[in-house]
């Protein structure tokens, strides 16, 4: 399941690039990509809330000793989206 969602996020990011290049509004496709990365019910830095890739990265960060808030992966992904 995670690979399917990951590929859909990449697809939406490519849509964003093509829409930007064509002079179209990019907010819808970018918002959709971010929504599928973070998911519903997610609290920042909480590995027990949420269901999608953000939560998965938080739980893996916990297992690799990154217990200081957000995992490094999520910090980098959110800075990429902003």
PDB file of N, CA and C in Angstrom:
ATOM      1  N   UNK A   1       0.824  -1.190   0.000  1.00  0.00           N
ATOM      2  CA  UNK A   1       0.000   0.000   0.000  1.00  0.00           C
ATOM      3  C   UNK A   1       0.871   1.258   0.000  1.00  0.00           C
ATOM      4  N   UNK A   2       1.929   1.257   0.792  1.00  0.00           N
ATOM      5  CA  UNK A   2       2.778   2.442   0.883  1.00  0.00           C
ATOM      6  C   UNK A   2       3.424   2.781  -0.453  1.00  0.00           C
ATOM      7  N   UNK A   3       3.789   1.757  -1.224  1.00  0.00           N
ATOM      8  CA  UNK A   3       4.391   2.023  -2.532  1.00  0.00           C
ATOM      9  C   UNK A   3       3.390   2.636  -3.499  1.00  0.00           C
ATOM     10  N   UNK A   4       2.125   2.200  -3.442  1.00  0.00           N
ATOM     11  CA  UNK A   4       1.105   2.787  -4.305  1.00  0.00           C
ATOM     12  C   UNK A   4       0.884   4.256  -3.970  1.00  0.00           C
ATOM     13  N   UNK A   5       0.813   4.576  -2.688  1.00  0.00           N
ATOM     14  CA  UNK A   5       0.605   5.968  -2.280  1.00  0.00           C
ATOM     15  C   UNK A   5       1.817   6.801  -2.658  1.00  0.00           C
ATOM     16  N   UNK A   6       2.994   6.246  -2.453  1.00  0.00           N
ATOM     17  CA  UNK A   6       4.223   6.968  -2.814  1.00  0.00           C
ATOM     18  C   UNK A   6       4.249   7.300  -4.298  1.00  0.00           C
ATOM     19  N   UNK A   7       3.884   6.347  -5.128  1.00  0.00           N
ATOM     20  CA  UNK A   7       3.871   6.590  -6.576  1.00  0.00           C
ATOM     21  C   UNK A   7       2.811   7.613  -6.962  1.00  0.00           C
ATOM     22  N   UNK A   8       1.665   7.605  -6.285  1.00  0.00           N
ATOM     23  CA  UNK A   8       0.637   8.597  -6.572  1.00  0.00           C
ATOM     24  C   UNK A   8       1.117   9.993  -6.182  1.00  0.00           C
ATOM     25  N   UNK A   9       1.838  10.095  -5.070  1.00  0.00           N
ATOM     26  CA  UNK A   9       2.387  11.392  -4.652  1.00  0.00           C
ATOM     27  C   UNK A   9       3.376  11.897  -5.694  1.00  0.00           C
ATOM     28  N   UNK A  10       4.242  11.028  -6.173  1.00  0.00           N
ATOM     29  CA  UNK A  10       5.201  11.421  -7.215  1.00  0.00           C
ATOM     30  C   UNK A  10       4.467  11.847  -8.477  1.00  0.00           C
ATOM     31  N   UNK A  11       3.420  11.137  -8.837  1.00  0.00           N
ATOM     32  CA  UNK A  11       2.606  11.503 -10.006  1.00  0.00           C
ATOM     33  C   UNK A  11       2.014  12.900  -9.841  1.00  0.00           C
ATOM     34  N   UNK A  12       1.476  13.193  -8.663  1.00  0.00           N
ATOM     35  CA  UNK A  12       0.887  14.520  -8.430  1.00  0.00           C
ATOM     36  C   UNK A  12       1.965  15.611  -8.445  1.00  0.00           C
ATOM     37  N   UNK A  13       3.170  15.302  -7.979  1.00  0.00           N
ATOM     38  CA  UNK A  13       4.245  16.286  -8.026  1.00  0.00           C
ATOM     39  C   UNK A  13       4.674  16.553  -9.469  1.00  0.00           C
ATOM     40  N   UNK A  14       4.704  15.513 -10.296  1.00  0.00           N
ATOM     41  CA  UNK A  14       4.991  15.726 -11.720  1.00  0.00           C
ATOM     42  C   UNK A  14       3.877  16.529 -12.381  1.00  0.00           C
ATOM     43  N   UNK A  15       2.624  16.268 -12.002  1.00  0.00           N
ATOM     44  CA  UNK A  15       1.518  17.095 -12.504  1.00  0.00           C
ATOM     45  C   UNK A  15       1.733  18.561 -12.147  1.00  0.00           C
ATOM     46  N   UNK A  16       2.202  18.792 -10.938  1.00  0.00           N
ATOM     47  CA  UNK A  16       2.462  20.159 -10.487  1.00  0.00           C
ATOM     48  C   UNK A  16       3.520  20.821 -11.360  1.00  0.00           C
ATOM     49  N   UNK A  17       4.571  20.096 -11.684  1.00  0.00           N
ATOM     50  CA  UNK A  17       5.637  20.639 -12.535  1.00  0.00           C
ATOM     51  C   UNK A  17       5.094  20.990 -13.915  1.00  0.00           C
ATOM     52  N   UNK A  18       4.334  20.067 -14.508  1.00  0.00           N
ATOM     53  CA  UNK A  18       3.799  20.312 -15.849  1.00  0.00           C
ATOM     54  C   UNK A  18       2.781  21.443 -15.857  1.00  0.00           C
ATOM     55  N   UNK A  19       1.950  21.529 -14.820  1.00  0.00           N
ATOM     56  CA  UNK A  19       0.981  22.622 -14.738  1.00  0.00           C
ATOM     57  C   UNK A  19       1.677  23.957 -14.566  1.00  0.00           C
ATOM     58  N   UNK A  20       2.739  23.990 -13.790  1.00  0.00           N
ATOM     59  CA  UNK A  20       3.510  25.225 -13.606  1.00  0.00           C
ATOM     60  C   UNK A  20       4.148  25.642 -14.921  1.00  0.00           C
ATOM     61  N   UNK A  21       4.697  24.684 -15.631  1.00  0.00           N
ATOM     62  CA  UNK A  21       5.338  24.977 -16.905  1.00  0.00           C
ATOM     63  C   UNK A  21       4.333  25.503 -17.928  1.00  0.00           C
ATOM     64  N   UNK A  22       3.086  25.014 -17.862  1.00  0.00           N
ATOM     65  CA  UNK A  22       2.047  25.450 -18.793  1.00  0.00           C
ATOM     66  C   UNK A  22       1.319  26.703 -18.321  1.00  0.00           C
ATOM     67  N   UNK A  23       1.714  27.237 -17.176  1.00  0.00           N
ATOM     68  CA  UNK A  23       1.107  28.462 -16.666  1.00  0.00           C
ATOM     69  C   UNK A  23      -0.231  28.252 -15.978  1.00  0.00           C
ATOM     70  N   UNK A  24      -0.527  27.027 -15.576  1.00  0.00           N
ATOM     71  CA  UNK A  24      -1.792  26.728 -14.898  1.00  0.00           C
ATOM     72  C   UNK A  24      -1.626  26.858 -13.393  1.00  0.00           C
ATOM     73  N   UNK A  25      -2.749  26.819 -12.686  1.00  0.00           N
ATOM     74  CA  UNK A  25      -2.752  26.884 -11.231  1.00  0.00           C
ATOM     75  C   UNK A  25      -2.245  25.556 -10.671  1.00  0.00           C
ATOM     76  N   UNK A  26      -1.222  25.609  -9.835  1.00  0.00           N
ATOM     77  CA  UNK A  26      -0.591  24.384  -9.319  1.00  0.00           C
ATOM     78  C   UNK A  26      -1.069  24.006  -7.923  1.00  0.00           C
ATOM     79  N   UNK A  27      -1.876  24.836  -7.287  1.00  0.00           N
ATOM     80  CA  UNK A  27      -2.212  24.595  -5.889  1.00  0.00           C
ATOM     81  C   UNK A  27      -3.008  23.314  -5.671  1.00  0.00           C
ATOM     82  N   UNK A  28      -3.897  22.973  -6.584  1.00  0.00           N
ATOM     83  CA  UNK A  28      -4.708  21.766  -6.383  1.00  0.00           C
ATOM     84  C   UNK A  28      -3.862  20.497  -6.389  1.00  0.00           C
ATOM     85  N   UNK A  29      -2.986  20.356  -7.378  1.00  0.00           N
ATOM     86  CA  UNK A  29      -2.185  19.133  -7.445  1.00  0.00           C
ATOM     87  C   UNK A  29      -1.141  19.089  -6.334  1.00  0.00           C
ATOM     88  N   UNK A  30      -0.584  20.224  -5.954  1.00  0.00           N
ATOM     89  CA  UNK A  30       0.373  20.253  -4.851  1.00  0.00           C
ATOM     90  C   UNK A  30      -0.320  19.935  -3.526  1.00  0.00           C
ATOM     91  N   UNK A  31      -1.506  20.490  -3.324  1.00  0.00           N
ATOM     92  CA  UNK A  31      -2.269  20.210  -2.114  1.00  0.00           C
ATOM     93  C   UNK A  31      -2.642  18.735  -2.024  1.00  0.00           C
ATOM     94  N   UNK A  32      -2.981  18.140  -3.158  1.00  0.00           N
ATOM     95  CA  UNK A  32      -3.324  16.724  -3.162  1.00  0.00           C
ATOM     96  C   UNK A  32      -2.110  15.864  -2.822  1.00  0.00           C
ATOM     97  N   UNK A  33      -0.945  16.216  -3.345  1.00  0.00           N
ATOM     98  CA  UNK A  33       0.273  15.465  -3.028  1.00  0.00           C
ATOM     99  C   UNK A  33       0.598  15.551  -1.538  1.00  0.00           C
ATOM    100  N   UNK A  34       0.494  16.741  -0.982  1.00  0.00           N
ATOM    101  CA  UNK A  34       0.776  16.920   0.446  1.00  0.00           C
ATOM    102  C   UNK A  34      -0.243  16.164   1.292  1.00  0.00           C
ATOM    103  N   UNK A  35      -1.508  16.209   0.885  1.00  0.00           N
ATOM    104  CA  UNK A  35      -2.561  15.511   1.631  1.00  0.00           C
ATOM    105  C   UNK A  35      -2.330  14.007   1.651  1.00  0.00           C
ATOM    106  N   UNK A  36      -1.897  13.443   0.534  1.00  0.00           N
ATOM    107  CA  UNK A  36      -1.646  12.007   0.508  1.00  0.00           C
ATOM    108  C   UNK A  36      -0.360  11.644   1.239  1.00  0.00           C
ATOM    109  N   UNK A  37       0.567  12.567   1.400  1.00  0.00           N
ATOM    110  CA  UNK A  37       1.767  12.281   2.189  1.00  0.00           C
ATOM    111  C   UNK A  37       1.431  12.297   3.683  1.00  0.00           C
ATOM    112  N   UNK A  38       0.718  13.325   4.123  1.00  0.00           N
ATOM    113  CA  UNK A  38       0.448  13.477   5.552  1.00  0.00           C
ATOM    114  C   UNK A  38      -0.728  12.620   5.997  1.00  0.00           C
ATOM    115  N   UNK A  39      -1.821  12.635   5.272  1.00  0.00           N
ATOM    116  CA  UNK A  39      -2.996  11.845   5.628  1.00  0.00           C
ATOM    117  C   UNK A  39      -3.891  12.549   6.626  1.00  0.00           C
ATOM    118  N   UNK A  40      -4.914  11.845   7.076  1.00  0.00           N
ATOM    119  CA  UNK A  40      -5.910  12.406   7.999  1.00  0.00           C
ATOM    120  C   UNK A  40      -5.573  12.003   9.427  1.00  0.00           C
ATOM    121  N   UNK A  41      -5.937  12.853  10.362  1.00  0.00           N
ATOM    122  CA  UNK A  41      -5.773  12.528  11.769  1.00  0.00           C
ATOM    123  C   UNK A  41      -4.348  12.563  12.272  1.00  0.00           C
ATOM    124  N   UNK A  42      -3.468  13.224  11.556  1.00  0.00           N
ATOM    125  CA  UNK A  42      -2.047  13.243  11.929  1.00  0.00           C
ATOM    126  C   UNK A  42      -1.741  14.429  12.823  1.00  0.00           C
ATOM    127  N   UNK A  43      -1.000  14.181  13.892  1.00  0.00           N
ATOM    128  CA  UNK A  43      -0.467  15.230  14.752  1.00  0.00           C
ATOM    129  C   UNK A  43       1.020  15.333  14.493  1.00  0.00           C
ATOM    130  N   UNK A  44       1.535  16.546  14.495  1.00  0.00           N
ATOM    131  CA  UNK A  44       2.948  16.757  14.193  1.00  0.00           C
ATOM    132  C   UNK A  44       3.826  16.033  15.205  1.00  0.00           C
ATOM    133  N   UNK A  45       4.741  15.200  14.685  1.00  0.00           N
ATOM    134  CA  UNK A  45       5.689  14.485  15.526  1.00  0.00           C
ATOM    135  C   UNK A  45       5.117  13.292  16.265  1.00  0.00           C
ATOM    136  N   UNK A  46       3.872  12.892  15.965  1.00  0.00           N
ATOM    137  CA  UNK A  46       3.232  11.777  16.668  1.00  0.00           C
ATOM    138  C   UNK A  46       3.227  10.548  15.775  1.00  0.00           C
ATOM    139  N   UNK A  47       3.862   9.487  16.228  1.00  0.00           N
ATOM    140  CA  UNK A  47       3.919   8.280  15.412  1.00  0.00           C
ATOM    141  C   UNK A  47       2.704   7.392  15.604  1.00  0.00           C
ATOM    142  N   UNK A  48       1.865   7.679  16.590  1.00  0.00           N
ATOM    143  CA  UNK A  48       0.691   6.855  16.846  1.00  0.00           C
ATOM    144  C   UNK A  48      -0.568   7.382  16.175  1.00  0.00           C
ATOM    145  N   UNK A  49      -0.544   8.600  15.704  1.00  0.00           N
ATOM    146  CA  UNK A  49      -1.699   9.179  15.016  1.00  0.00           C
ATOM    147  C   UNK A  49      -1.430   9.156  13.511  1.00  0.00           C
ATOM    148  N   UNK A  50      -2.479   9.127  12.735  1.00  0.00           N
ATOM    149  CA  UNK A  50      -2.324   9.168  11.285  1.00  0.00           C
ATOM    150  C   UNK A  50      -2.154   7.792  10.682  1.00  0.00           C
ATOM    151  N   UNK A  51      -2.216   7.759   9.330  1.00  0.00           N
ATOM    152  CA  UNK A  51      -2.251   6.462   8.658  1.00  0.00           C
ATOM    153  C   UNK A  51      -1.334   6.374   7.442  1.00  0.00           C
ATOM    154  N   UNK A  52      -0.775   7.460   6.978  1.00  0.00           N
ATOM    155  CA  UNK A  52      -0.055   7.401   5.707  1.00  0.00           C
ATOM    156  C   UNK A  52       1.444   7.562   5.901  1.00  0.00           C
ATOM    157  N   UNK A  53       2.144   8.086   4.917  1.00  0.00           N
ATOM    158  CA  UNK A  53       3.607   8.065   4.902  1.00  0.00           C
ATOM    159  C   UNK A  53       4.238   8.907   6.008  1.00  0.00           C
ATOM    160  N   UNK A  54       3.595  10.018   6.393  1.00  0.00           N
ATOM    161  CA  UNK A  54       4.129  10.820   7.491  1.00  0.00           C
ATOM    162  C   UNK A  54       4.225   9.972   8.761  1.00  0.00           C
ATOM    163  N   UNK A  55       3.158   9.265   9.078  1.00  0.00           N
ATOM    164  CA  UNK A  55       3.137   8.417  10.272  1.00  0.00           C
ATOM    165  C   UNK A  55       4.152   7.286  10.175  1.00  0.00           C
ATOM    166  N   UNK A  56       4.288   6.704   8.990  1.00  0.00           N
ATOM    167  CA  UNK A  56       5.274   5.640   8.794  1.00  0.00           C
ATOM    168  C   UNK A  56       6.695   6.160   9.021  1.00  0.00           C
ATOM    169  N   UNK A  57       6.983   7.357   8.507  1.00  0.00           N
ATOM    170  CA  UNK A  57       8.309   7.939   8.711  1.00  0.00           C
ATOM    171  C   UNK A  57       8.551   8.272  10.184  1.00  0.00           C
ATOM    172  N   UNK A  58       7.503   8.697  10.886  1.00  0.00           N
ATOM    173  CA  UNK A  58       7.653   8.972  12.323  1.00  0.00           C
ATOM    174  C   UNK A  58       7.968   7.690  13.099  1.00  0.00           C
ATOM    175  N   UNK A  59       7.270   6.601  12.779  1.00  0.00           N
ATOM    176  CA  UNK A  59       7.529   5.357  13.514  1.00  0.00           C
ATOM    177  C   UNK A  59       8.913   4.794  13.181  1.00  0.00           C
ATOM    178  N   UNK A  60       9.357   4.937  11.952  1.00  0.00           N
ATOM    179  CA  UNK A  60      10.709   4.474  11.601  1.00  0.00           C
ATOM    180  C   UNK A  60      11.770   5.374  12.249  1.00  0.00           C
ATOM    181  N   UNK A  61      11.490   6.670  12.353  1.00  0.00           N
ATOM    182  CA  UNK A  61      12.410   7.569  13.050  1.00  0.00           C
ATOM    183  C   UNK A  61      12.570   7.174  14.509  1.00  0.00           C
ATOM    184  N   UNK A  62      11.485   6.754  15.125  1.00  0.00           N
ATOM    185  CA  UNK A  62      11.541   6.284  16.520  1.00  0.00           C
ATOM    186  C   UNK A  62      12.447   5.057  16.629  1.00  0.00           C
ATOM    187  N   UNK A  63      12.314   4.132  15.706  1.00  0.00           N
ATOM    188  CA  UNK A  63      13.126   2.909  15.754  1.00  0.00           C
ATOM    189  C   UNK A  63      14.606   3.170  15.483  1.00  0.00           C
ATOM    190  N   UNK A  64      14.906   4.295  14.823  1.00  0.00           N
ATOM    191  CA  UNK A  64      16.297   4.642  14.539  1.00  0.00           C
ATOM    192  C   UNK A  64      16.825   5.733  15.466  1.00  0.00           C
ATOM    193  N   UNK A  65      16.140   5.960  16.589  1.00  0.00           N
ATOM    194  CA  UNK A  65      16.640   6.862  17.615  1.00  0.00           C
ATOM    195  C   UNK A  65      16.400   8.339  17.367  1.00  0.00           C
ATOM    196  N   UNK A  66      15.485   8.690  16.510  1.00  0.00           N
ATOM    197  CA  UNK A  66      15.162  10.100  16.254  1.00  0.00           C
ATOM    198  C   UNK A  66      13.912  10.474  17.045  1.00  0.00           C
ATOM    199  N   UNK A  67      14.054  10.567  18.364  1.00  0.00           N
ATOM    200  CA  UNK A  67      12.898  10.777  19.226  1.00  0.00           C
ATOM    201  C   UNK A  67      12.780  12.225  19.694  1.00  0.00           C
ATOM    202  N   UNK A  68      13.249  13.169  18.911  1.00  0.00           N
ATOM    203  CA  UNK A  68      13.236  14.576  19.310  1.00  0.00           C
ATOM    204  C   UNK A  68      12.198  15.368  18.504  1.00  0.00           C
ATOM    205  N   UNK A  69      10.968  14.912  18.498  1.00  0.00           N
ATOM    206  CA  UNK A  69       9.932  15.593  17.725  1.00  0.00           C
ATOM    207  C   UNK A  69       9.722  14.892  16.397  1.00  0.00           C
ATOM    208  N   UNK A  70       9.874  15.628  15.311  1.00  0.00           N
ATOM    209  CA  UNK A  70       9.679  15.048  13.982  1.00  0.00           C
ATOM    210  C   UNK A  70      10.906  14.268  13.535  1.00  0.00           C
ATOM    211  N   UNK A  71      10.664  13.273  12.702  1.00  0.00           N
ATOM    212  CA  UNK A  71      11.782  12.527  12.129  1.00  0.00           C
ATOM    213  C   UNK A  71      12.482  13.393  11.078  1.00  0.00           C
ATOM    214  N   UNK A  72      13.716  13.078  10.795  1.00  0.00           N
ATOM    215  CA  UNK A  72      14.503  13.839   9.826  1.00  0.00           C
ATOM    216  C   UNK A  72      13.848  13.799   8.449  1.00  0.00           C
ATOM    217  N   UNK A  73      13.295  12.648   8.084  1.00  0.00           N
ATOM    218  CA  UNK A  73      12.636  12.512   6.778  1.00  0.00           C
ATOM    219  C   UNK A  73      11.458  13.464   6.674  1.00  0.00           C
ATOM    220  N   UNK A  74      10.631  13.542   7.716  1.00  0.00           N
ATOM    221  CA  UNK A  74       9.469  14.422   7.660  1.00  0.00           C
ATOM    222  C   UNK A  74       9.864  15.896   7.655  1.00  0.00           C
ATOM    223  N   UNK A  75      10.913  16.235   8.369  1.00  0.00           N
ATOM    224  CA  UNK A  75      11.383  17.619   8.354  1.00  0.00           C
ATOM    225  C   UNK A  75      11.823  17.996   6.934  1.00  0.00           C
ATOM    226  N   UNK A  76      12.550  17.099   6.273  1.00  0.00           N
ATOM    227  CA  UNK A  76      13.005  17.375   4.917  1.00  0.00           C
ATOM    228  C   UNK A  76      11.846  17.407   3.934  1.00  0.00           C
ATOM    229  N   UNK A  77      10.899  16.497   4.059  1.00  0.00           N
ATOM    230  CA  UNK A  77       9.754  16.469   3.146  1.00  0.00           C
ATOM    231  C   UNK A  77       8.887  17.716   3.308  1.00  0.00           C
ATOM    232  N   UNK A  78       8.636  18.131   4.535  1.00  0.00           N
ATOM    233  CA  UNK A  78       7.819  19.315   4.737  1.00  0.00           C
ATOM    234  C   UNK A  78       8.520  20.580   4.281  1.00  0.00           C
ATOM    235  N   UNK A  79       9.845  20.627   4.386  1.00  0.00           N
ATOM    236  CA  UNK A  79      10.570  21.791   3.851  1.00  0.00           C
ATOM    237  C   UNK A  79      10.540  21.763   2.328  1.00  0.00           C
ATOM    238  N   UNK A  80      10.518  20.578   1.730  1.00  0.00           N
ATOM    239  CA  UNK A  80      10.396  20.478   0.272  1.00  0.00           C
ATOM    240  C   UNK A  80       9.030  20.974  -0.200  1.00  0.00           C
ATOM    241  N   UNK A  81       7.976  20.635   0.546  1.00  0.00           N
ATOM    242  CA  UNK A  81       6.625  21.041   0.167  1.00  0.00           C
ATOM    243  C   UNK A  81       6.375  22.525   0.393  1.00  0.00           C
ATOM    244  N   UNK A  82       7.124  23.167   1.272  1.00  0.00           N
ATOM    245  CA  UNK A  82       6.847  24.579   1.561  1.00  0.00           C
ATOM    246  C   UNK A  82       7.590  25.539   0.684  1.00  0.00           C
TER     247      UNK A  82
END
